[in-house]
Amino acid sequence: MSLQWIFGRAATGKTTRLFETLAQTWHRSMRTTPMWLIVPEQMVYDIERRLTMQFGALMHVQILSFHRLAERIALSYGSAARGTLDDT
């Protein structure tokens, strides 16, 4: 398992690089390795739509916002029943 960060200014090819890396990783892993993409909340729908348009499916890719990732971790490790802090 690895973590890769993609940073850059607007219109520098971050999304293009993301899709190229996804395609390479997917082909190398025999199309079975689950992958998680962590993107800003406002980008989740757009990335899901673009992946579906480019690859025809989401191909074992989970697109998560930071909030969704936190919820998934809380559910997996049983801390969802405890109170959590929010920004209010």
PDB file of N, CA and C in Angstrom:
ATOM      1  N   MET A   1       0.846  -1.163   0.000  1.00  0.00           N
ATOM      2  CA  MET A   1       0.000   0.000   0.000  1.00  0.00           C
ATOM      3  C   MET A   1       0.894   1.229   0.000  1.00  0.00           C
ATOM      4  N   SER A   2       0.511   2.246  -0.752  1.00  0.00           N
ATOM      5  CA  SER A   2       1.291   3.473  -0.783  1.00  0.00           C
ATOM      6  C   SER A   2       0.356   4.669  -0.812  1.00  0.00           C
ATOM      7  N   LEU A   3       0.905   5.799  -0.468  1.00  0.00           N
ATOM      8  CA  LEU A   3       0.177   7.055  -0.474  1.00  0.00           C
ATOM      9  C   LEU A   3       0.927   7.996  -1.390  1.00  0.00           C
ATOM     10  N   GLN A   4       0.201   8.629  -2.298  1.00  0.00           N
ATOM     11  CA  GLN A   4       0.834   9.558  -3.219  1.00  0.00           C
ATOM     12  C   GLN A   4       0.064  10.868  -3.186  1.00  0.00           C
ATOM     13  N   TRP A   5       0.782  11.953  -3.009  1.00  0.00           N
ATOM     14  CA  TRP A   5       0.198  13.287  -2.997  1.00  0.00           C
ATOM     15  C   TRP A   5       0.427  13.938  -4.350  1.00  0.00           C
ATOM     16  N   ILE A   6      -0.591  14.660  -4.850  1.00  0.00           N
ATOM     17  CA  ILE A   6      -0.439  15.422  -6.091  1.00  0.00           C
ATOM     18  C   ILE A   6      -0.834  16.858  -5.773  1.00  0.00           C
ATOM     19  N   PHE A   7       0.151  17.736  -5.800  1.00  0.00           N
ATOM     20  CA  PHE A   7      -0.066  19.155  -5.510  1.00  0.00           C
ATOM     21  C   PHE A   7       0.256  19.981  -6.744  1.00  0.00           C
ATOM     22  N   GLY A   8      -0.311  21.171  -6.818  1.00  0.00           N
ATOM     23  CA  GLY A   8       0.046  22.085  -7.894  1.00  0.00           C
ATOM     24  C   GLY A   8      -0.976  23.187  -8.037  1.00  0.00           C
ATOM     25  N   ARG A   9      -0.609  24.187  -8.771  1.00  0.00           N
ATOM     26  CA  ARG A   9      -1.512  25.298  -9.048  1.00  0.00           C
ATOM     27  C   ARG A   9      -2.621  24.848  -9.999  1.00  0.00           C
ATOM     28  N   ALA A  10      -3.604  25.706 -10.149  1.00  0.00           N
ATOM     29  CA  ALA A  10      -4.718  25.421 -11.057  1.00  0.00           C
ATOM     30  C   ALA A  10      -4.197  25.259 -12.492  1.00  0.00           C
ATOM     31  N   ALA A  11      -4.806  24.340 -13.208  1.00  0.00           N
ATOM     32  CA  ALA A  11      -4.532  24.110 -14.639  1.00  0.00           C
ATOM     33  C   ALA A  11      -3.092  23.684 -14.915  1.00  0.00           C
ATOM     34  N   THR A  12      -2.510  22.882 -14.008  1.00  0.00           N
ATOM     35  CA  THR A  12      -1.143  22.385 -14.240  1.00  0.00           C
ATOM     36  C   THR A  12      -1.116  20.899 -14.554  1.00  0.00           C
ATOM     37  N   GLY A  13      -2.287  20.258 -14.703  1.00  0.00           N
ATOM     38  CA  GLY A  13      -2.345  18.861 -15.101  1.00  0.00           C
ATOM     39  C   GLY A  13      -2.467  17.859 -13.962  1.00  0.00           C
ATOM     40  N   LYS A  14      -2.893  18.313 -12.788  1.00  0.00           N
ATOM     41  CA  LYS A  14      -3.026  17.396 -11.648  1.00  0.00           C
ATOM     42  C   LYS A  14      -4.044  16.297 -11.926  1.00  0.00           C
ATOM     43  N   THR A  15      -5.207  16.654 -12.441  1.00  0.00           N
ATOM     44  CA  THR A  15      -6.249  15.661 -12.700  1.00  0.00           C
ATOM     45  C   THR A  15      -5.828  14.711 -13.810  1.00  0.00           C
ATOM     46  N   THR A  16      -5.183  15.220 -14.841  1.00  0.00           N
ATOM     47  CA  THR A  16      -4.692  14.370 -15.915  1.00  0.00           C
ATOM     48  C   THR A  16      -3.685  13.363 -15.370  1.00  0.00           C
ATOM     49  N   ARG A  17      -2.766  13.840 -14.545  1.00  0.00           N
ATOM     50  CA  ARG A  17      -1.782  12.930 -13.941  1.00  0.00           C
ATOM     51  C   ARG A  17      -2.462  11.900 -13.053  1.00  0.00           C
ATOM     52  N   LEU A  18      -3.480  12.322 -12.322  1.00  0.00           N
ATOM     53  CA  LEU A  18      -4.229  11.407 -11.463  1.00  0.00           C
ATOM     54  C   LEU A  18      -4.830  10.271 -12.283  1.00  0.00           C
ATOM     55  N   PHE A  19      -5.499  10.606 -13.386  1.00  0.00           N
ATOM     56  CA  PHE A  19      -6.139   9.580 -14.208  1.00  0.00           C
ATOM     57  C   PHE A  19      -5.101   8.669 -14.865  1.00  0.00           C
ATOM     58  N   GLU A  20      -3.963   9.219 -15.293  1.00  0.00           N
ATOM     59  CA  GLU A  20      -2.902   8.391 -15.870  1.00  0.00           C
ATOM     60  C   GLU A  20      -2.344   7.418 -14.831  1.00  0.00           C
ATOM     61  N   THR A  21      -2.105   7.908 -13.627  1.00  0.00           N
ATOM     62  CA  THR A  21      -1.589   7.060 -12.553  1.00  0.00           C
ATOM     63  C   THR A  21      -2.588   5.982 -12.178  1.00  0.00           C
ATOM     64  N   LEU A  22      -3.868   6.351 -12.116  1.00  0.00           N
ATOM     65  CA  LEU A  22      -4.904   5.360 -11.824  1.00  0.00           C
ATOM     66  C   LEU A  22      -4.930   4.255 -12.863  1.00  0.00           C
ATOM     67  N   ALA A  23      -4.889   4.628 -14.126  1.00  0.00           N
ATOM     68  CA  ALA A  23      -4.934   3.630 -15.195  1.00  0.00           C
ATOM     69  C   ALA A  23      -3.725   2.703 -15.118  1.00  0.00           C
ATOM     70  N   GLN A  24      -2.519   3.256 -14.901  1.00  0.00           N
ATOM     71  CA  GLN A  24      -1.316   2.432 -14.804  1.00  0.00           C
ATOM     72  C   GLN A  24      -1.396   1.484 -13.613  1.00  0.00           C
ATOM     73  N   THR A  25      -1.795   1.999 -12.465  1.00  0.00           N
ATOM     74  CA  THR A  25      -1.887   1.177 -11.255  1.00  0.00           C
ATOM     75  C   THR A  25      -2.927   0.086 -11.434  1.00  0.00           C
ATOM     76  N   TRP A  26      -4.042   0.434 -12.037  1.00  0.00           N
ATOM     77  CA  TRP A  26      -5.122  -0.526 -12.248  1.00  0.00           C
ATOM     78  C   TRP A  26      -4.658  -1.669 -13.147  1.00  0.00           C
ATOM     79  N   HIS A  27      -3.963  -1.348 -14.227  1.00  0.00           N
ATOM     80  CA  HIS A  27      -3.473  -2.389 -15.137  1.00  0.00           C
ATOM     81  C   HIS A  27      -2.387  -3.239 -14.490  1.00  0.00           C
ATOM     82  N   ARG A  28      -1.508  -2.616 -13.716  1.00  0.00           N
ATOM     83  CA  ARG A  28      -0.434  -3.347 -13.038  1.00  0.00           C
ATOM     84  C   ARG A  28      -0.962  -4.284 -11.960  1.00  0.00           C
ATOM     85  N   SER A  29      -2.047  -3.894 -11.301  1.00  0.00           N
ATOM     86  CA  SER A  29      -2.559  -4.680 -10.173  1.00  0.00           C
ATOM     87  C   SER A  29      -3.556  -5.746 -10.621  1.00  0.00           C
ATOM     88  N   MET A  30      -3.612  -6.015 -11.897  1.00  0.00           N
ATOM     89  CA  MET A  30      -4.527  -7.023 -12.441  1.00  0.00           C
ATOM     90  C   MET A  30      -5.992  -6.662 -12.210  1.00  0.00           C
ATOM     91  N   ARG A  31      -6.271  -5.366 -12.083  1.00  0.00           N
ATOM     92  CA  ARG A  31      -7.628  -4.833 -11.992  1.00  0.00           C
ATOM     93  C   ARG A  31      -8.399  -5.302 -10.750  1.00  0.00           C
ATOM     94  N   THR A  32      -7.710  -5.682  -9.689  1.00  0.00           N
ATOM     95  CA  THR A  32      -8.415  -6.158  -8.509  1.00  0.00           C
ATOM     96  C   THR A  32      -8.082  -5.400  -7.235  1.00  0.00           C
ATOM     97  N   THR A  33      -7.001  -4.653  -7.226  1.00  0.00           N
ATOM     98  CA  THR A  33      -6.595  -3.940  -6.022  1.00  0.00           C
ATOM     99  C   THR A  33      -7.512  -2.746  -5.778  1.00  0.00           C
ATOM    100  N   PRO A  34      -8.137  -2.670  -4.603  1.00  0.00           N
ATOM    101  CA  PRO A  34      -8.969  -1.496  -4.321  1.00  0.00           C
ATOM    102  C   PRO A  34      -8.095  -0.259  -4.122  1.00  0.00           C
ATOM    103  N   MET A  35      -8.556   0.864  -4.636  1.00  0.00           N
ATOM    104  CA  MET A  35      -7.835   2.129  -4.500  1.00  0.00           C
ATOM    105  C   MET A  35      -8.766   3.170  -3.903  1.00  0.00           C
ATOM    106  N   TRP A  36      -8.210   4.040  -3.103  1.00  0.00           N
ATOM    107  CA  TRP A  36      -8.971   5.135  -2.513  1.00  0.00           C
ATOM    108  C   TRP A  36      -8.401   6.449  -3.014  1.00  0.00           C
ATOM    109  N   LEU A  37      -9.283   7.315  -3.470  1.00  0.00           N
ATOM    110  CA  LEU A  37      -8.908   8.674  -3.834  1.00  0.00           C
ATOM    111  C   LEU A  37      -9.510   9.600  -2.785  1.00  0.00           C
ATOM    112  N   ILE A  38      -8.701  10.414  -2.177  1.00  0.00           N
ATOM    113  CA  ILE A  38      -9.188  11.380  -1.197  1.00  0.00           C
ATOM    114  C   ILE A  38      -9.105  12.745  -1.857  1.00  0.00           C
ATOM    115  N   VAL A  39     -10.264  13.345  -2.063  1.00  0.00           N
ATOM    116  CA  VAL A  39     -10.352  14.617  -2.772  1.00  0.00           C
ATOM    117  C   VAL A  39     -11.178  15.597  -1.944  1.00  0.00           C
ATOM    118  N   PRO A  40     -11.063  16.895  -2.218  1.00  0.00           N
ATOM    119  CA  PRO A  40     -11.909  17.864  -1.521  1.00  0.00           C
ATOM    120  C   PRO A  40     -13.388  17.559  -1.763  1.00  0.00           C
ATOM    121  N   GLU A  41     -14.205  17.899  -0.783  1.00  0.00           N
ATOM    122  CA  GLU A  41     -15.646  17.603  -0.819  1.00  0.00           C
ATOM    123  C   GLU A  41     -16.300  18.026  -2.139  1.00  0.00           C
ATOM    124  N   GLN A  42     -15.961  19.212  -2.616  1.00  0.00           N
ATOM    125  CA  GLN A  42     -16.614  19.731  -3.820  1.00  0.00           C
ATOM    126  C   GLN A  42     -16.184  19.002  -5.093  1.00  0.00           C
ATOM    127  N   MET A  43     -15.147  18.172  -5.018  1.00  0.00           N
ATOM    128  CA  MET A  43     -14.655  17.467  -6.197  1.00  0.00           C
ATOM    129  C   MET A  43     -15.141  16.021  -6.318  1.00  0.00           C
ATOM    130  N   VAL A  44     -15.790  15.472  -5.299  1.00  0.00           N
ATOM    131  CA  VAL A  44     -16.163  14.057  -5.291  1.00  0.00           C
ATOM    132  C   VAL A  44     -17.026  13.704  -6.501  1.00  0.00           C
ATOM    133  N   TYR A  45     -18.110  14.421  -6.708  1.00  0.00           N
ATOM    134  CA  TYR A  45     -19.019  14.099  -7.808  1.00  0.00           C
ATOM    135  C   TYR A  45     -18.315  14.248  -9.158  1.00  0.00           C
ATOM    136  N   ASP A  46     -17.557  15.319  -9.326  1.00  0.00           N
ATOM    137  CA  ASP A  46     -16.877  15.557 -10.600  1.00  0.00           C
ATOM    138  C   ASP A  46     -15.884  14.446 -10.916  1.00  0.00           C
ATOM    139  N   ILE A  47     -15.098  14.016  -9.931  1.00  0.00           N
ATOM    140  CA  ILE A  47     -14.125  12.944 -10.154  1.00  0.00           C
ATOM    141  C   ILE A  47     -14.842  11.628 -10.470  1.00  0.00           C
ATOM    142  N   GLU A  48     -15.921  11.323  -9.735  1.00  0.00           N
ATOM    143  CA  GLU A  48     -16.692  10.101 -10.026  1.00  0.00           C
ATOM    144  C   GLU A  48     -17.215  10.126 -11.451  1.00  0.00           C
ATOM    145  N   ARG A  49     -17.766  11.253 -11.863  1.00  0.00           N
ATOM    146  CA  ARG A  49     -18.325  11.393 -13.216  1.00  0.00           C
ATOM    147  C   ARG A  49     -17.229  11.242 -14.273  1.00  0.00           C
ATOM    148  N   ARG A  50     -16.101  11.902 -14.065  1.00  0.00           N
ATOM    149  CA  ARG A  50     -15.026  11.840 -15.048  1.00  0.00           C
ATOM    150  C   ARG A  50     -14.398  10.453 -15.139  1.00  0.00           C
ATOM    151  N   LEU A  51     -14.256   9.780 -14.010  1.00  0.00           N
ATOM    152  CA  LEU A  51     -13.733   8.410 -14.036  1.00  0.00           C
ATOM    153  C   LEU A  51     -14.662   7.491 -14.816  1.00  0.00           C
ATOM    154  N   THR A  52     -15.950   7.632 -14.575  1.00  0.00           N
ATOM    155  CA  THR A  52     -16.923   6.805 -15.274  1.00  0.00           C
ATOM    156  C   THR A  52     -16.895   7.085 -16.772  1.00  0.00           C
ATOM    157  N   MET A  53     -16.785   8.361 -17.142  1.00  0.00           N
ATOM    158  CA  MET A  53     -16.729   8.709 -18.562  1.00  0.00           C
ATOM    159  C   MET A  53     -15.447   8.183 -19.220  1.00  0.00           C
ATOM    160  N   GLN A  54     -14.312   8.287 -18.537  1.00  0.00           N
ATOM    161  CA  GLN A  54     -13.043   7.899 -19.139  1.00  0.00           C
ATOM    162  C   GLN A  54     -12.828   6.393 -19.155  1.00  0.00           C
ATOM    163  N   PHE A  55     -13.199   5.699 -18.067  1.00  0.00           N
ATOM    164  CA  PHE A  55     -12.913   4.276 -17.959  1.00  0.00           C
ATOM    165  C   PHE A  55     -14.142   3.391 -18.085  1.00  0.00           C
ATOM    166  N   GLY A  56     -15.324   3.970 -18.104  1.00  0.00           N
ATOM    167  CA  GLY A  56     -16.536   3.177 -18.236  1.00  0.00           C
ATOM    168  C   GLY A  56     -17.037   2.591 -16.932  1.00  0.00           C
ATOM    169  N   ALA A  57     -16.252   2.713 -15.871  1.00  0.00           N
ATOM    170  CA  ALA A  57     -16.631   2.206 -14.554  1.00  0.00           C
ATOM    171  C   ALA A  57     -15.701   2.835 -13.527  1.00  0.00           C
ATOM    172  N   LEU A  58     -15.994   2.601 -12.268  1.00  0.00           N
ATOM    173  CA  LEU A  58     -15.127   3.147 -11.224  1.00  0.00           C
ATOM    174  C   LEU A  58     -14.000   2.189 -10.861  1.00  0.00           C
ATOM    175  N   MET A  59     -13.926   1.025 -11.465  1.00  0.00           N
ATOM    176  CA  MET A  59     -12.820   0.084 -11.408  1.00  0.00           C
ATOM    177  C   MET A  59     -12.159  -0.054 -10.043  1.00  0.00           C
ATOM    178  N   HIS A  60     -12.903  -0.456  -9.045  1.00  0.00           N
ATOM    179  CA  HIS A  60     -12.391  -0.699  -7.697  1.00  0.00           C
ATOM    180  C   HIS A  60     -11.810   0.555  -7.055  1.00  0.00           C
ATOM    181  N   VAL A  61     -12.324   1.708  -7.437  1.00  0.00           N
ATOM    182  CA  VAL A  61     -11.836   2.967  -6.885  1.00  0.00           C
ATOM    183  C   VAL A  61     -12.908   3.561  -5.983  1.00  0.00           C
ATOM    184  N   GLN A  62     -12.528   3.886  -4.763  1.00  0.00           N
ATOM    185  CA  GLN A  62     -13.412   4.580  -3.838  1.00  0.00           C
ATOM    186  C   GLN A  62     -12.997   6.046  -3.844  1.00  0.00           C
ATOM    187  N   ILE A  63     -13.922   6.945  -4.166  1.00  0.00           N
ATOM    188  CA  ILE A  63     -13.631   8.367  -4.130  1.00  0.00           C
ATOM    189  C   ILE A  63     -14.221   8.906  -2.836  1.00  0.00           C
ATOM    190  N   LEU A  64     -13.357   9.438  -1.972  1.00  0.00           N
ATOM    191  CA  LEU A  64     -13.769   9.874  -0.651  1.00  0.00           C
ATOM    192  C   LEU A  64     -13.348  11.313  -0.405  1.00  0.00           C
ATOM    193  N   SER A  65     -14.234  12.062   0.244  1.00  0.00           N
ATOM    194  CA  SER A  65     -13.833  13.362   0.773  1.00  0.00           C
ATOM    195  C   SER A  65     -13.210  13.104   2.136  1.00  0.00           C
ATOM    196  N   PHE A  66     -12.601  14.102   2.720  1.00  0.00           N
ATOM    197  CA  PHE A  66     -12.013  13.924   4.042  1.00  0.00           C
ATOM    198  C   PHE A  66     -13.089  13.564   5.062  1.00  0.00           C
ATOM    199  N   HIS A  67     -14.276  14.145   4.908  1.00  0.00           N
ATOM    200  CA  HIS A  67     -15.386  13.849   5.816  1.00  0.00           C
ATOM    201  C   HIS A  67     -15.829  12.384   5.674  1.00  0.00           C
ATOM    202  N   ARG A  68     -15.994  11.922   4.448  1.00  0.00           N
ATOM    203  CA  ARG A  68     -16.378  10.523   4.221  1.00  0.00           C
ATOM    204  C   ARG A  68     -15.310   9.554   4.733  1.00  0.00           C
ATOM    205  N   LEU A  69     -14.049   9.916   4.553  1.00  0.00           N
ATOM    206  CA  LEU A  69     -12.956   9.079   5.049  1.00  0.00           C
ATOM    207  C   LEU A  69     -13.019   8.971   6.570  1.00  0.00           C
ATOM    208  N   ALA A  70     -13.243  10.089   7.239  1.00  0.00           N
ATOM    209  CA  ALA A  70     -13.347  10.082   8.701  1.00  0.00           C
ATOM    210  C   ALA A  70     -14.523   9.222   9.153  1.00  0.00           C
ATOM    211  N   GLU A  71     -15.656   9.324   8.462  1.00  0.00           N
ATOM    212  CA  GLU A  71     -16.816   8.498   8.810  1.00  0.00           C
ATOM    213  C   GLU A  71     -16.502   7.015   8.621  1.00  0.00           C
ATOM    214  N   ARG A  72     -15.855   6.672   7.532  1.00  0.00           N
ATOM    215  CA  ARG A  72     -15.524   5.269   7.253  1.00  0.00           C
ATOM    216  C   ARG A  72     -14.576   4.718   8.320  1.00  0.00           C
ATOM    217  N   ILE A  73     -13.584   5.498   8.709  1.00  0.00           N
ATOM    218  CA  ILE A  73     -12.657   5.060   9.751  1.00  0.00           C
ATOM    219  C   ILE A  73     -13.391   4.892  11.072  1.00  0.00           C
ATOM    220  N   ALA A  74     -14.269   5.839  11.398  1.00  0.00           N
ATOM    221  CA  ALA A  74     -15.031   5.751  12.646  1.00  0.00           C
ATOM    222  C   ALA A  74     -15.906   4.510  12.665  1.00  0.00           C
ATOM    223  N   LEU A  75     -16.556   4.203  11.557  1.00  0.00           N
ATOM    224  CA  LEU A  75     -17.390   3.004  11.500  1.00  0.00           C
ATOM    225  C   LEU A  75     -16.557   1.724  11.570  1.00  0.00           C
ATOM    226  N   SER A  76     -15.416   1.727  10.931  1.00  0.00           N
ATOM    227  CA  SER A  76     -14.568   0.534  10.917  1.00  0.00           C
ATOM    228  C   SER A  76     -13.971   0.216  12.272  1.00  0.00           C
ATOM    229  N   TYR A  77     -13.654   1.241  13.026  1.00  0.00           N
ATOM    230  CA  TYR A  77     -12.970   1.021  14.294  1.00  0.00           C
ATOM    231  C   TYR A  77     -13.852   1.241  15.509  1.00  0.00           C
ATOM    232  N   GLY A  78     -15.159   1.360  15.292  1.00  0.00           N
ATOM    233  CA  GLY A  78     -16.099   1.388  16.398  1.00  0.00           C
ATOM    234  C   GLY A  78     -16.213   2.682  17.152  1.00  0.00           C
ATOM    235  N   SER A  79     -15.607   3.735  16.692  1.00  0.00           N
ATOM    236  CA  SER A  79     -15.702   4.987  17.418  1.00  0.00           C
ATOM    237  C   SER A  79     -16.892   5.833  16.984  1.00  0.00           C
ATOM    238  N   ALA A  80     -17.717   5.308  16.082  1.00  0.00           N
ATOM    239  CA  ALA A  80     -18.867   6.077  15.620  1.00  0.00           C
ATOM    240  C   ALA A  80     -19.883   6.292  16.725  1.00  0.00           C
ATOM    241  N   ALA A  81     -19.908   5.408  17.705  1.00  0.00           N
ATOM    242  CA  ALA A  81     -20.867   5.543  18.802  1.00  0.00           C
ATOM    243  C   ALA A  81     -20.469   6.653  19.763  1.00  0.00           C
ATOM    244  N   ARG A  82     -19.199   6.996  19.813  1.00  0.00           N
ATOM    245  CA  ARG A  82     -18.735   8.070  20.685  1.00  0.00           C
ATOM    246  C   ARG A  82     -19.041   9.417  20.067  1.00  0.00           C
ATOM    247  N   GLY A  83     -19.141  10.411  20.897  1.00  0.00           N
ATOM    248  CA  GLY A  83     -19.357  11.771  20.389  1.00  0.00           C
ATOM    249  C   GLY A  83     -18.132  12.257  19.643  1.00  0.00           C
ATOM    250  N   THR A  84     -18.346  13.044  18.618  1.00  0.00           N
ATOM    251  CA  THR A  84     -17.231  13.592  17.863  1.00  0.00           C
ATOM    252  C   THR A  84     -17.319  15.111  17.882  1.00  0.00           C
ATOM    253  N   LEU A  85     -16.206  15.744  17.722  1.00  0.00           N
ATOM    254  CA  LEU A  85     -16.156  17.203  17.644  1.00  0.00           C
ATOM    255  C   LEU A  85     -16.557  17.651  16.249  1.00  0.00           C
ATOM    256  N   ASP A  86     -17.179  18.794  16.175  1.00  0.00           N
ATOM    257  CA  ASP A  86     -17.447  19.390  14.878  1.00  0.00           C
ATOM    258  C   ASP A  86     -16.985  20.834  14.925  1.00  0.00           C
ATOM    259  N   ASP A  87     -17.204  21.560  13.875  1.00  0.00           N
ATOM    260  CA  ASP A  87     -16.680  22.919  13.815  1.00  0.00           C
ATOM    261  C   ASP A  87     -17.638  23.968  14.364  1.00  0.00           C
ATOM    262  N   THR A  88     -18.667  23.556  15.102  1.00  0.00           N
ATOM    263  CA  THR A  88     -19.571  24.526  15.707  1.00  0.00           C
ATOM    264  C   THR A  88     -19.352  24.653  17.179  1.00  0.00           C
TER     265      THR A  88
END
